[in-house]
Amino acid sequence: LSHMCDPPCPAWDRLFEIFQAYSRAKGV
C-alpha cells in the first residue's frame, strides 16, 4: 500500500503494473 516514491516516476508505475500482473499469475 505505502511503497512509493516522490516525485512520482512513470517507470516505477509501469514496473509495478508488471510486478502486479506477474504476482497475480503466480497466485501471490
mmCIF file of all heavy atoms, coordinates in Angstrom:
data_MODEL
# 
_entry.id   MODEL 
# 
loop_
_atom_site.group_PDB 
_atom_site.id 
_atom_site.type_symbol 
_atom_site.label_atom_id 
_atom_site.label_alt_id 
_atom_site.label_comp_id 
_atom_site.label_asym_id 
_atom_site.label_entity_id 
_atom_site.label_seq_id 
_atom_site.pdbx_PDB_ins_code 
_atom_site.Cartn_x 
_atom_site.Cartn_y 
_atom_site.Cartn_z 
_atom_site.occupancy 
_atom_site.B_iso_or_equiv 
_atom_site.pdbx_formal_charge 
_atom_site.auth_seq_id 
_atom_site.auth_comp_id 
_atom_site.auth_asym_id 
_atom_site.auth_atom_id 
_atom_site.pdbx_PDB_model_num 
ATOM 1   N N   . LEU A 1 1  ? 0.804  -1.213  0.000   1.00 0.00 ? 1  LEU A N   1 
ATOM 2   C CA  . LEU A 1 1  ? 0.000  0.000   0.000   1.00 0.00 ? 1  LEU A CA  1 
ATOM 3   C C   . LEU A 1 1  ? 0.843  1.272   0.000   1.00 0.00 ? 1  LEU A C   1 
ATOM 4   O O   . LEU A 1 1  ? 0.604  2.194   -0.785  1.00 0.00 ? 1  LEU A O   1 
ATOM 5   C CB  . LEU A 1 1  ? -0.929 0.006   1.215   1.00 0.00 ? 1  LEU A CB  1 
ATOM 6   C CG  . LEU A 1 1  ? -1.771 1.271   1.412   1.00 0.00 ? 1  LEU A CG  1 
ATOM 7   C CD1 . LEU A 1 1  ? -2.774 1.423   0.275   1.00 0.00 ? 1  LEU A CD1 1 
ATOM 8   C CD2 . LEU A 1 1  ? -2.486 1.240   2.757   1.00 0.00 ? 1  LEU A CD2 1 
ATOM 9   N N   . SER A 1 2  ? 1.836  1.355   0.859   1.00 0.00 ? 2  SER A N   1 
ATOM 10  C CA  . SER A 1 2  ? 2.583  2.609   1.025   1.00 0.00 ? 2  SER A CA  1 
ATOM 11  C C   . SER A 1 2  ? 3.888  2.658   0.237   1.00 0.00 ? 2  SER A C   1 
ATOM 12  O O   . SER A 1 2  ? 4.588  3.668   0.269   1.00 0.00 ? 2  SER A O   1 
ATOM 13  C CB  . SER A 1 2  ? 2.884  2.835   2.518   1.00 0.00 ? 2  SER A CB  1 
ATOM 14  O OG  . SER A 1 2  ? 3.751  1.815   2.994   1.00 0.00 ? 2  SER A OG  1 
ATOM 15  N N   . HIS A 1 3  ? 4.234  1.577   -0.465  1.00 0.00 ? 3  HIS A N   1 
ATOM 16  C CA  . HIS A 1 3  ? 5.525  1.532   -1.166  1.00 0.00 ? 3  HIS A CA  1 
ATOM 17  C C   . HIS A 1 3  ? 5.457  2.438   -2.393  1.00 0.00 ? 3  HIS A C   1 
ATOM 18  O O   . HIS A 1 3  ? 4.744  2.156   -3.360  1.00 0.00 ? 3  HIS A O   1 
ATOM 19  C CB  . HIS A 1 3  ? 5.836  0.095   -1.561  1.00 0.00 ? 3  HIS A CB  1 
ATOM 20  C CG  . HIS A 1 3  ? 7.275  -0.134  -1.911  1.00 0.00 ? 3  HIS A CG  1 
ATOM 21  N ND1 . HIS A 1 3  ? 8.308  0.574   -1.351  1.00 0.00 ? 3  HIS A ND1 1 
ATOM 22  C CD2 . HIS A 1 3  ? 7.847  -1.014  -2.778  1.00 0.00 ? 3  HIS A CD2 1 
ATOM 23  C CE1 . HIS A 1 3  ? 9.458  0.156   -1.839  1.00 0.00 ? 3  HIS A CE1 1 
ATOM 24  N NE2 . HIS A 1 3  ? 9.198  -0.803  -2.707  1.00 0.00 ? 3  HIS A NE2 1 
ATOM 25  N N   . MET A 1 4  ? 6.216  3.548   -2.350  1.00 0.00 ? 4  MET A N   1 
ATOM 26  C CA  . MET A 1 4  ? 6.131  4.532   -3.421  1.00 0.00 ? 4  MET A CA  1 
ATOM 27  C C   . MET A 1 4  ? 7.354  5.434   -3.394  1.00 0.00 ? 4  MET A C   1 
ATOM 28  O O   . MET A 1 4  ? 8.190  5.344   -2.493  1.00 0.00 ? 4  MET A O   1 
ATOM 29  C CB  . MET A 1 4  ? 4.864  5.384   -3.267  1.00 0.00 ? 4  MET A CB  1 
ATOM 30  C CG  . MET A 1 4  ? 4.641  5.982   -1.865  1.00 0.00 ? 4  MET A CG  1 
ATOM 31  S SD  . MET A 1 4  ? 5.641  7.416   -1.427  1.00 0.00 ? 4  MET A SD  1 
ATOM 32  C CE  . MET A 1 4  ? 4.852  8.658   -2.453  1.00 0.00 ? 4  MET A CE  1 
ATOM 33  N N   . CYS A 1 5  ? 7.454  6.266   -4.428  1.00 0.00 ? 5  CYS A N   1 
ATOM 34  C CA  . CYS A 1 5  ? 8.491  7.287   -4.455  1.00 0.00 ? 5  CYS A CA  1 
ATOM 35  C C   . CYS A 1 5  ? 7.855  8.622   -4.839  1.00 0.00 ? 5  CYS A C   1 
ATOM 36  O O   . CYS A 1 5  ? 6.791  8.668   -5.463  1.00 0.00 ? 5  CYS A O   1 
ATOM 37  C CB  . CYS A 1 5  ? 9.609  6.923   -5.435  1.00 0.00 ? 5  CYS A CB  1 
ATOM 38  S SG  . CYS A 1 5  ? 9.092  6.834   -7.164  1.00 0.00 ? 5  CYS A SG  1 
ATOM 39  N N   . ASP A 1 6  ? 8.513  9.689   -4.435  1.00 0.00 ? 6  ASP A N   1 
ATOM 40  C CA  . ASP A 1 6  ? 8.055  11.034  -4.770  1.00 0.00 ? 6  ASP A CA  1 
ATOM 41  C C   . ASP A 1 6  ? 9.269  11.927  -4.988  1.00 0.00 ? 6  ASP A C   1 
ATOM 42  O O   . ASP A 1 6  ? 10.189 11.915  -4.164  1.00 0.00 ? 6  ASP A O   1 
ATOM 43  C CB  . ASP A 1 6  ? 7.181  11.606  -3.653  1.00 0.00 ? 6  ASP A CB  1 
ATOM 44  C CG  . ASP A 1 6  ? 6.511  12.906  -4.075  1.00 0.00 ? 6  ASP A CG  1 
ATOM 45  O OD1 . ASP A 1 6  ? 5.482  12.811  -4.773  1.00 0.00 ? 6  ASP A OD1 1 
ATOM 46  O OD2 . ASP A 1 6  ? 7.046  13.977  -3.759  1.00 0.00 ? 6  ASP A OD2 1 
ATOM 47  N N   . PRO A 1 7  ? 9.332  12.683  -6.089  1.00 0.00 ? 7  PRO A N   1 
ATOM 48  C CA  . PRO A 1 7  ? 8.288  12.844  -7.100  1.00 0.00 ? 7  PRO A CA  1 
ATOM 49  C C   . PRO A 1 7  ? 7.921  11.514  -7.772  1.00 0.00 ? 7  PRO A C   1 
ATOM 50  O O   . PRO A 1 7  ? 8.743  10.603  -7.844  1.00 0.00 ? 7  PRO A O   1 
ATOM 51  C CB  . PRO A 1 7  ? 8.924  13.815  -8.114  1.00 0.00 ? 7  PRO A CB  1 
ATOM 52  C CG  . PRO A 1 7  ? 10.041 14.479  -7.389  1.00 0.00 ? 7  PRO A CG  1 
ATOM 53  C CD  . PRO A 1 7  ? 10.534 13.490  -6.403  1.00 0.00 ? 7  PRO A CD  1 
ATOM 54  N N   . PRO A 1 8  ? 6.680  11.455  -8.286  1.00 0.00 ? 8  PRO A N   1 
ATOM 55  C CA  . PRO A 1 8  ? 6.257  10.241  -8.990  1.00 0.00 ? 8  PRO A CA  1 
ATOM 56  C C   . PRO A 1 8  ? 7.166  9.943   -10.170 1.00 0.00 ? 8  PRO A C   1 
ATOM 57  O O   . PRO A 1 8  ? 7.777  10.839  -10.747 1.00 0.00 ? 8  PRO A O   1 
ATOM 58  C CB  . PRO A 1 8  ? 4.841  10.581  -9.453  1.00 0.00 ? 8  PRO A CB  1 
ATOM 59  C CG  . PRO A 1 8  ? 4.383  11.662  -8.547  1.00 0.00 ? 8  PRO A CG  1 
ATOM 60  C CD  . PRO A 1 8  ? 5.610  12.460  -8.216  1.00 0.00 ? 8  PRO A CD  1 
ATOM 61  N N   . CYS A 1 9  ? 7.224  8.656   -10.506 1.00 0.00 ? 9  CYS A N   1 
ATOM 62  C CA  . CYS A 1 9  ? 8.096  8.212   -11.597 1.00 0.00 ? 9  CYS A CA  1 
ATOM 63  C C   . CYS A 1 9  ? 7.316  7.252   -12.495 1.00 0.00 ? 9  CYS A C   1 
ATOM 64  O O   . CYS A 1 9  ? 6.883  6.192   -12.035 1.00 0.00 ? 9  CYS A O   1 
ATOM 65  C CB  . CYS A 1 9  ? 9.324  7.517   -11.017 1.00 0.00 ? 9  CYS A CB  1 
ATOM 66  S SG  . CYS A 1 9  ? 10.452 6.839   -12.236 1.00 0.00 ? 9  CYS A SG  1 
ATOM 67  N N   . PRO A 1 10 ? 7.134  7.595   -13.771 1.00 0.00 ? 10 PRO A N   1 
ATOM 68  C CA  . PRO A 1 10 ? 6.409  6.698   -14.679 1.00 0.00 ? 10 PRO A CA  1 
ATOM 69  C C   . PRO A 1 10 ? 7.027  5.303   -14.751 1.00 0.00 ? 10 PRO A C   1 
ATOM 70  O O   . PRO A 1 10 ? 6.292  4.312   -14.887 1.00 0.00 ? 10 PRO A O   1 
ATOM 71  C CB  . PRO A 1 10 ? 6.493  7.414   -16.029 1.00 0.00 ? 10 PRO A CB  1 
ATOM 72  C CG  . PRO A 1 10 ? 6.648  8.861   -15.682 1.00 0.00 ? 10 PRO A CG  1 
ATOM 73  C CD  . PRO A 1 10 ? 7.488  8.879   -14.433 1.00 0.00 ? 10 PRO A CD  1 
ATOM 74  N N   . ALA A 1 11 ? 8.351  5.216   -14.635 1.00 0.00 ? 11 ALA A N   1 
ATOM 75  C CA  . ALA A 1 11 ? 8.998  3.900   -14.682 1.00 0.00 ? 11 ALA A CA  1 
ATOM 76  C C   . ALA A 1 11 ? 8.592  3.052   -13.481 1.00 0.00 ? 11 ALA A C   1 
ATOM 77  O O   . ALA A 1 11 ? 8.355  1.845   -13.606 1.00 0.00 ? 11 ALA A O   1 
ATOM 78  C CB  . ALA A 1 11 ? 10.514 4.069   -14.727 1.00 0.00 ? 11 ALA A CB  1 
ATOM 79  N N   . TRP A 1 12 ? 8.511  3.674   -12.306 1.00 0.00 ? 12 TRP A N   1 
ATOM 80  C CA  . TRP A 1 12 ? 8.063  2.945   -11.114 1.00 0.00 ? 12 TRP A CA  1 
ATOM 81  C C   . TRP A 1 12 ? 6.644  2.418   -11.343 1.00 0.00 ? 12 TRP A C   1 
ATOM 82  O O   . TRP A 1 12 ? 6.368  1.245   -11.089 1.00 0.00 ? 12 TRP A O   1 
ATOM 83  C CB  . TRP A 1 12 ? 8.092  3.876   -9.908  1.00 0.00 ? 12 TRP A CB  1 
ATOM 84  C CG  . TRP A 1 12 ? 7.624  3.240   -8.616  1.00 0.00 ? 12 TRP A CG  1 
ATOM 85  C CD1 . TRP A 1 12 ? 6.376  2.775   -8.335  1.00 0.00 ? 12 TRP A CD1 1 
ATOM 86  C CD2 . TRP A 1 12 ? 8.404  3.001   -7.441  1.00 0.00 ? 12 TRP A CD2 1 
ATOM 87  N NE1 . TRP A 1 12 ? 6.308  2.271   -7.058  1.00 0.00 ? 12 TRP A NE1 1 
ATOM 88  C CE2 . TRP A 1 12 ? 7.541  2.398   -6.485  1.00 0.00 ? 12 TRP A CE2 1 
ATOM 89  C CE3 . TRP A 1 12 ? 9.729  3.263   -7.084  1.00 0.00 ? 12 TRP A CE3 1 
ATOM 90  C CZ2 . TRP A 1 12 ? 7.993  2.040   -5.209  1.00 0.00 ? 12 TRP A CZ2 1 
ATOM 91  C CZ3 . TRP A 1 12 ? 10.159 2.899   -5.810  1.00 0.00 ? 12 TRP A CZ3 1 
ATOM 92  C CH2 . TRP A 1 12 ? 9.306  2.298   -4.896  1.00 0.00 ? 12 TRP A CH2 1 
ATOM 93  N N   . ASP A 1 13 ? 5.760  3.287   -11.826 1.00 0.00 ? 13 ASP A N   1 
ATOM 94  C CA  . ASP A 1 13 ? 4.357  2.893   -12.019 1.00 0.00 ? 13 ASP A CA  1 
ATOM 95  C C   . ASP A 1 13 ? 4.229  1.743   -13.002 1.00 0.00 ? 13 ASP A C   1 
ATOM 96  O O   . ASP A 1 13 ? 3.476  0.787   -12.767 1.00 0.00 ? 13 ASP A O   1 
ATOM 97  C CB  . ASP A 1 13 ? 3.539  4.091   -12.499 1.00 0.00 ? 13 ASP A CB  1 
ATOM 98  C CG  . ASP A 1 13 ? 3.460  5.200   -11.457 1.00 0.00 ? 13 ASP A CG  1 
ATOM 99  O OD1 . ASP A 1 13 ? 3.713  4.919   -10.265 1.00 0.00 ? 13 ASP A OD1 1 
ATOM 100 O OD2 . ASP A 1 13 ? 3.165  6.339   -11.844 1.00 0.00 ? 13 ASP A OD2 1 
ATOM 101 N N   . ARG A 1 14 ? 4.952  1.827   -14.102 1.00 0.00 ? 14 ARG A N   1 
ATOM 102 C CA  . ARG A 1 14 ? 4.872  0.769   -15.115 1.00 0.00 ? 14 ARG A CA  1 
ATOM 103 C C   . ARG A 1 14 ? 5.478  -0.536  -14.588 1.00 0.00 ? 14 ARG A C   1 
ATOM 104 O O   . ARG A 1 14 ? 4.917  -1.618  -14.800 1.00 0.00 ? 14 ARG A O   1 
ATOM 105 C CB  . ARG A 1 14 ? 5.593  1.217   -16.394 1.00 0.00 ? 14 ARG A CB  1 
ATOM 106 C CG  . ARG A 1 14 ? 5.725  0.148   -17.463 1.00 0.00 ? 14 ARG A CG  1 
ATOM 107 C CD  . ARG A 1 14 ? 4.384  -0.362  -17.945 1.00 0.00 ? 14 ARG A CD  1 
ATOM 108 N NE  . ARG A 1 14 ? 4.564  -1.396  -18.972 1.00 0.00 ? 14 ARG A NE  1 
ATOM 109 C CZ  . ARG A 1 14 ? 3.820  -2.491  -19.059 1.00 0.00 ? 14 ARG A CZ  1 
ATOM 110 N NH1 . ARG A 1 14 ? 2.836  -2.718  -18.188 1.00 0.00 ? 14 ARG A NH1 1 
ATOM 111 N NH2 . ARG A 1 14 ? 4.058  -3.380  -20.006 1.00 0.00 ? 14 ARG A NH2 1 
ATOM 112 N N   . LEU A 1 15 ? 6.590  -0.452  -13.886 1.00 0.00 ? 15 LEU A N   1 
ATOM 113 C CA  . LEU A 1 15 ? 7.203  -1.653  -13.321 1.00 0.00 ? 15 LEU A CA  1 
ATOM 114 C C   . LEU A 1 15 ? 6.279  -2.299  -12.290 1.00 0.00 ? 15 LEU A C   1 
ATOM 115 O O   . LEU A 1 15 ? 6.209  -3.527  -12.188 1.00 0.00 ? 15 LEU A O   1 
ATOM 116 C CB  . LEU A 1 15 ? 8.551  -1.319  -12.687 1.00 0.00 ? 15 LEU A CB  1 
ATOM 117 C CG  . LEU A 1 15 ? 9.695  -1.075  -13.674 1.00 0.00 ? 15 LEU A CG  1 
ATOM 118 C CD1 . LEU A 1 15 ? 10.911 -0.497  -12.968 1.00 0.00 ? 15 LEU A CD1 1 
ATOM 119 C CD2 . LEU A 1 15 ? 10.063 -2.366  -14.409 1.00 0.00 ? 15 LEU A CD2 1 
ATOM 120 N N   . PHE A 1 16 ? 5.556  -1.458  -11.535 1.00 0.00 ? 16 PHE A N   1 
ATOM 121 C CA  . PHE A 1 16 ? 4.641  -2.041  -10.556 1.00 0.00 ? 16 PHE A CA  1 
ATOM 122 C C   . PHE A 1 16 ? 3.468  -2.729  -11.249 1.00 0.00 ? 16 PHE A C   1 
ATOM 123 O O   . PHE A 1 16 ? 2.985  -3.765  -10.780 1.00 0.00 ? 16 PHE A O   1 
ATOM 124 C CB  . PHE A 1 16 ? 4.148  -0.977  -9.579  1.00 0.00 ? 16 PHE A CB  1 
ATOM 125 C CG  . PHE A 1 16 ? 3.415  -1.561  -8.404  1.00 0.00 ? 16 PHE A CG  1 
ATOM 126 C CD1 . PHE A 1 16 ? 4.058  -2.441  -7.546  1.00 0.00 ? 16 PHE A CD1 1 
ATOM 127 C CD2 . PHE A 1 16 ? 2.083  -1.259  -8.170  1.00 0.00 ? 16 PHE A CD2 1 
ATOM 128 C CE1 . PHE A 1 16 ? 3.378  -3.007  -6.467  1.00 0.00 ? 16 PHE A CE1 1 
ATOM 129 C CE2 . PHE A 1 16 ? 1.404  -1.813  -7.093  1.00 0.00 ? 16 PHE A CE2 1 
ATOM 130 C CZ  . PHE A 1 16 ? 2.053  -2.688  -6.243  1.00 0.00 ? 16 PHE A CZ  1 
ATOM 131 N N   . GLU A 1 17 ? 3.006  -2.187  -12.367 1.00 0.00 ? 17 GLU A N   1 
ATOM 132 C CA  . GLU A 1 17 ? 1.970  -2.865  -13.151 1.00 0.00 ? 17 GLU A CA  1 
ATOM 133 C C   . GLU A 1 17 ? 2.439  -4.254  -13.570 1.00 0.00 ? 17 GLU A C   1 
ATOM 134 O O   . GLU A 1 17 ? 1.703  -5.242  -13.479 1.00 0.00 ? 17 GLU A O   1 
ATOM 135 C CB  . GLU A 1 17 ? 1.633  -2.052  -14.400 1.00 0.00 ? 17 GLU A CB  1 
ATOM 136 C CG  . GLU A 1 17 ? 0.833  -0.795  -14.153 1.00 0.00 ? 17 GLU A CG  1 
ATOM 137 C CD  . GLU A 1 17 ? 0.580  -0.039  -15.453 1.00 0.00 ? 17 GLU A CD  1 
ATOM 138 O OE1 . GLU A 1 17 ? 0.995  -0.536  -16.517 1.00 0.00 ? 17 GLU A OE1 1 
ATOM 139 O OE2 . GLU A 1 17 ? -0.028 1.050   -15.398 1.00 0.00 ? 17 GLU A OE2 1 
ATOM 140 N N   . ILE A 1 18 ? 3.673  -4.315  -14.047 1.00 0.00 ? 18 ILE A N   1 
ATOM 141 C CA  . ILE A 1 18 ? 4.249  -5.597  -14.477 1.00 0.00 ? 18 ILE A CA  1 
ATOM 142 C C   . ILE A 1 18 ? 4.371  -6.550  -13.296 1.00 0.00 ? 18 ILE A C   1 
ATOM 143 O O   . ILE A 1 18 ? 4.029  -7.734  -13.381 1.00 0.00 ? 18 ILE A O   1 
ATOM 144 C CB  . ILE A 1 18 ? 5.627  -5.357  -15.135 1.00 0.00 ? 18 ILE A CB  1 
ATOM 145 C CG1 . ILE A 1 18 ? 5.461  -4.547  -16.417 1.00 0.00 ? 18 ILE A CG1 1 
ATOM 146 C CG2 . ILE A 1 18 ? 6.331  -6.680  -15.414 1.00 0.00 ? 18 ILE A CG2 1 
ATOM 147 C CD1 . ILE A 1 18 ? 6.755  -3.957  -16.942 1.00 0.00 ? 18 ILE A CD1 1 
ATOM 148 N N   . PHE A 1 19 ? 4.864  -6.014  -12.180 1.00 0.00 ? 19 PHE A N   1 
ATOM 149 C CA  . PHE A 1 19 ? 5.079  -6.836  -10.989 1.00 0.00 ? 19 PHE A CA  1 
ATOM 150 C C   . PHE A 1 19 ? 3.754  -7.377  -10.455 1.00 0.00 ? 19 PHE A C   1 
ATOM 151 O O   . PHE A 1 19 ? 3.663  -8.542  -10.049 1.00 0.00 ? 19 PHE A O   1 
ATOM 152 C CB  . PHE A 1 19 ? 5.791  -6.000  -9.930  1.00 0.00 ? 19 PHE A CB  1 
ATOM 153 C CG  . PHE A 1 19 ? 6.339  -6.795  -8.775  1.00 0.00 ? 19 PHE A CG  1 
ATOM 154 C CD1 . PHE A 1 19 ? 7.126  -7.911  -8.990  1.00 0.00 ? 19 PHE A CD1 1 
ATOM 155 C CD2 . PHE A 1 19 ? 6.075  -6.413  -7.470  1.00 0.00 ? 19 PHE A CD2 1 
ATOM 156 C CE1 . PHE A 1 19 ? 7.642  -8.640  -7.928  1.00 0.00 ? 19 PHE A CE1 1 
ATOM 157 C CE2 . PHE A 1 19 ? 6.581  -7.132  -6.399  1.00 0.00 ? 19 PHE A CE2 1 
ATOM 158 C CZ  . PHE A 1 19 ? 7.375  -8.249  -6.629  1.00 0.00 ? 19 PHE A CZ  1 
ATOM 159 N N   . GLN A 1 20 ? 2.717  -6.536  -10.470 1.00 0.00 ? 20 GLN A N   1 
ATOM 160 C CA  . GLN A 1 20 ? 1.399  -6.985  -10.025 1.00 0.00 ? 20 GLN A CA  1 
ATOM 161 C C   . GLN A 1 20 ? 0.843  -8.080  -10.930 1.00 0.00 ? 20 GLN A C   1 
ATOM 162 O O   . GLN A 1 20 ? 0.295  -9.072  -10.455 1.00 0.00 ? 20 GLN A O   1 
ATOM 163 C CB  . GLN A 1 20 ? 0.420  -5.810  -9.999  1.00 0.00 ? 20 GLN A CB  1 
ATOM 164 C CG  . GLN A 1 20 ? 0.503  -4.938  -8.775  1.00 0.00 ? 20 GLN A CG  1 
ATOM 165 C CD  . GLN A 1 20 ? -0.629 -3.928  -8.739  1.00 0.00 ? 20 GLN A CD  1 
ATOM 166 O OE1 . GLN A 1 20 ? -0.677 -3.011  -9.543  1.00 0.00 ? 20 GLN A OE1 1 
ATOM 167 N NE2 . GLN A 1 20 ? -1.545 -4.100  -7.807  1.00 0.00 ? 20 GLN A NE2 1 
ATOM 168 N N   . ALA A 1 21 ? 0.980  -7.897  -12.246 1.00 0.00 ? 21 ALA A N   1 
ATOM 169 C CA  . ALA A 1 21 ? 0.483  -8.900  -13.183 1.00 0.00 ? 21 ALA A CA  1 
ATOM 170 C C   . ALA A 1 21 ? 1.208  -10.231 -12.988 1.00 0.00 ? 21 ALA A C   1 
ATOM 171 O O   . ALA A 1 21 ? 0.581  -11.302 -12.971 1.00 0.00 ? 21 ALA A O   1 
ATOM 172 C CB  . ALA A 1 21 ? 0.654  -8.404  -14.615 1.00 0.00 ? 21 ALA A CB  1 
ATOM 173 N N   . TYR A 1 22 ? 2.510  -10.154 -12.827 1.00 0.00 ? 22 TYR A N   1 
ATOM 174 C CA  . TYR A 1 22 ? 3.321  -11.359 -12.589 1.00 0.00 ? 22 TYR A CA  1 
ATOM 175 C C   . TYR A 1 22 ? 2.881  -12.038 -11.292 1.00 0.00 ? 22 TYR A C   1 
ATOM 176 O O   . TYR A 1 22 ? 2.676  -13.259 -11.253 1.00 0.00 ? 22 TYR A O   1 
ATOM 177 C CB  . TYR A 1 22 ? 4.795  -10.969 -12.530 1.00 0.00 ? 22 TYR A CB  1 
ATOM 178 C CG  . TYR A 1 22 ? 5.710  -12.084 -12.087 1.00 0.00 ? 22 TYR A CG  1 
ATOM 179 C CD1 . TYR A 1 22 ? 6.258  -12.965 -13.012 1.00 0.00 ? 22 TYR A CD1 1 
ATOM 180 C CD2 . TYR A 1 22 ? 6.032  -12.258 -10.741 1.00 0.00 ? 22 TYR A CD2 1 
ATOM 181 C CE1 . TYR A 1 22 ? 7.097  -13.991 -12.611 1.00 0.00 ? 22 TYR A CE1 1 
ATOM 182 C CE2 . TYR A 1 22 ? 6.867  -13.277 -10.333 1.00 0.00 ? 22 TYR A CE2 1 
ATOM 183 C CZ  . TYR A 1 22 ? 7.393  -14.146 -11.266 1.00 0.00 ? 22 TYR A CZ  1 
ATOM 184 O OH  . TYR A 1 22 ? 8.218  -15.160 -10.857 1.00 0.00 ? 22 TYR A OH  1 
ATOM 185 N N   . SER A 1 23 ? 2.725  -11.261 -10.229 1.00 0.00 ? 23 SER A N   1 
ATOM 186 C CA  . SER A 1 23 ? 2.369  -11.817 -8.917  1.00 0.00 ? 23 SER A CA  1 
ATOM 187 C C   . SER A 1 23 ? 0.992  -12.461 -8.946  1.00 0.00 ? 23 SER A C   1 
ATOM 188 O O   . SER A 1 23 ? 0.795  -13.567 -8.416  1.00 0.00 ? 23 SER A O   1 
ATOM 189 C CB  . SER A 1 23 ? 2.427  -10.716 -7.849  1.00 0.00 ? 23 SER A CB  1 
ATOM 190 O OG  . SER A 1 23 ? 3.727  -10.179 -7.748  1.00 0.00 ? 23 SER A OG  1 
ATOM 191 N N   . ARG A 1 24 ? 0.024  -11.785 -9.579  1.00 0.00 ? 24 ARG A N   1 
ATOM 192 C CA  . ARG A 1 24 ? -1.329 -12.360 -9.676  1.00 0.00 ? 24 ARG A CA  1 
ATOM 193 C C   . ARG A 1 24 ? -1.291 -13.694 -10.410 1.00 0.00 ? 24 ARG A C   1 
ATOM 194 O O   . ARG A 1 24 ? -1.970 -14.645 -10.011 1.00 0.00 ? 24 ARG A O   1 
ATOM 195 C CB  . ARG A 1 24 ? -2.264 -11.387 -10.399 1.00 0.00 ? 24 ARG A CB  1 
ATOM 196 C CG  . ARG A 1 24 ? -2.790 -10.254 -9.525  1.00 0.00 ? 24 ARG A CG  1 
ATOM 197 C CD  . ARG A 1 24 ? -3.961 -9.555  -10.191 1.00 0.00 ? 24 ARG A CD  1 
ATOM 198 N NE  . ARG A 1 24 ? -3.569 -8.932  -11.454 1.00 0.00 ? 24 ARG A NE  1 
ATOM 199 C CZ  . ARG A 1 24 ? -3.175 -7.672  -11.579 1.00 0.00 ? 24 ARG A CZ  1 
ATOM 200 N NH1 . ARG A 1 24 ? -3.127 -6.884  -10.512 1.00 0.00 ? 24 ARG A NH1 1 
ATOM 201 N NH2 . ARG A 1 24 ? -2.845 -7.182  -12.755 1.00 0.00 ? 24 ARG A NH2 1 
ATOM 202 N N   . ALA A 1 25 ? -0.508 -13.756 -11.468 1.00 0.00 ? 25 ALA A N   1 
ATOM 203 C CA  . ALA A 1 25 ? -0.424 -15.003 -12.246 1.00 0.00 ? 25 ALA A CA  1 
ATOM 204 C C   . ALA A 1 25 ? 0.177  -16.141 -11.426 1.00 0.00 ? 25 ALA A C   1 
ATOM 205 O O   . ALA A 1 25 ? -0.130 -17.313 -11.664 1.00 0.00 ? 25 ALA A O   1 
ATOM 206 C CB  . ALA A 1 25 ? 0.416  -14.773 -13.507 1.00 0.00 ? 25 ALA A CB  1 
ATOM 207 N N   . LYS A 1 26 ? 1.014  -15.791 -10.454 1.00 0.00 ? 26 LYS A N   1 
ATOM 208 C CA  . LYS A 1 26 ? 1.649  -16.799 -9.601  1.00 0.00 ? 26 LYS A CA  1 
ATOM 209 C C   . LYS A 1 26 ? 0.850  -17.060 -8.330  1.00 0.00 ? 26 LYS A C   1 
ATOM 210 O O   . LYS A 1 26 ? 1.269  -17.849 -7.474  1.00 0.00 ? 26 LYS A O   1 
ATOM 211 C CB  . LYS A 1 26 ? 3.063  -16.354 -9.220  1.00 0.00 ? 26 LYS A CB  1 
ATOM 212 C CG  . LYS A 1 26 ? 3.975  -16.082 -10.408 1.00 0.00 ? 26 LYS A CG  1 
ATOM 213 C CD  . LYS A 1 26 ? 4.164  -17.305 -11.280 1.00 0.00 ? 26 LYS A CD  1 
ATOM 214 C CE  . LYS A 1 26 ? 5.075  -17.017 -12.470 1.00 0.00 ? 26 LYS A CE  1 
ATOM 215 N NZ  . LYS A 1 26 ? 5.217  -18.186 -13.372 1.00 0.00 ? 26 LYS A NZ  1 
ATOM 216 N N   . GLY A 1 27 ? -0.305 -16.389 -8.184  1.00 0.00 ? 27 GLY A N   1 
ATOM 217 C CA  . GLY A 1 27 ? -1.141 -16.590 -7.009  1.00 0.00 ? 27 GLY A CA  1 
ATOM 218 C C   . GLY A 1 27 ? -0.657 -15.872 -5.771  1.00 0.00 ? 27 GLY A C   1 
ATOM 219 O O   . GLY A 1 27 ? -1.028 -16.230 -4.647  1.00 0.00 ? 27 GLY A O   1 
ATOM 220 N N   . VAL A 1 28 ? 0.164  -14.831 -5.954  1.00 0.00 ? 28 VAL A N   1 
ATOM 221 C CA  . VAL A 1 28 ? 0.741  -14.087 -4.826  1.00 0.00 ? 28 VAL A CA  1 
ATOM 222 C C   . VAL A 1 28 ? -0.031 -12.792 -4.614  1.00 0.00 ? 28 VAL A C   1 
ATOM 223 O O   . VAL A 1 28 ? -0.275 -12.039 -5.561  1.00 0.00 ? 28 VAL A O   1 
ATOM 224 C CB  . VAL A 1 28 ? 2.235  -13.787 -5.090  1.00 0.00 ? 28 VAL A CB  1 
ATOM 225 C CG1 . VAL A 1 28 ? 2.798  -12.840 -4.045  1.00 0.00 ? 28 VAL A CG1 1 
ATOM 226 C CG2 . VAL A 1 28 ? 3.037  -15.089 -5.132  1.00 0.00 ? 28 VAL A CG2 1 
# 
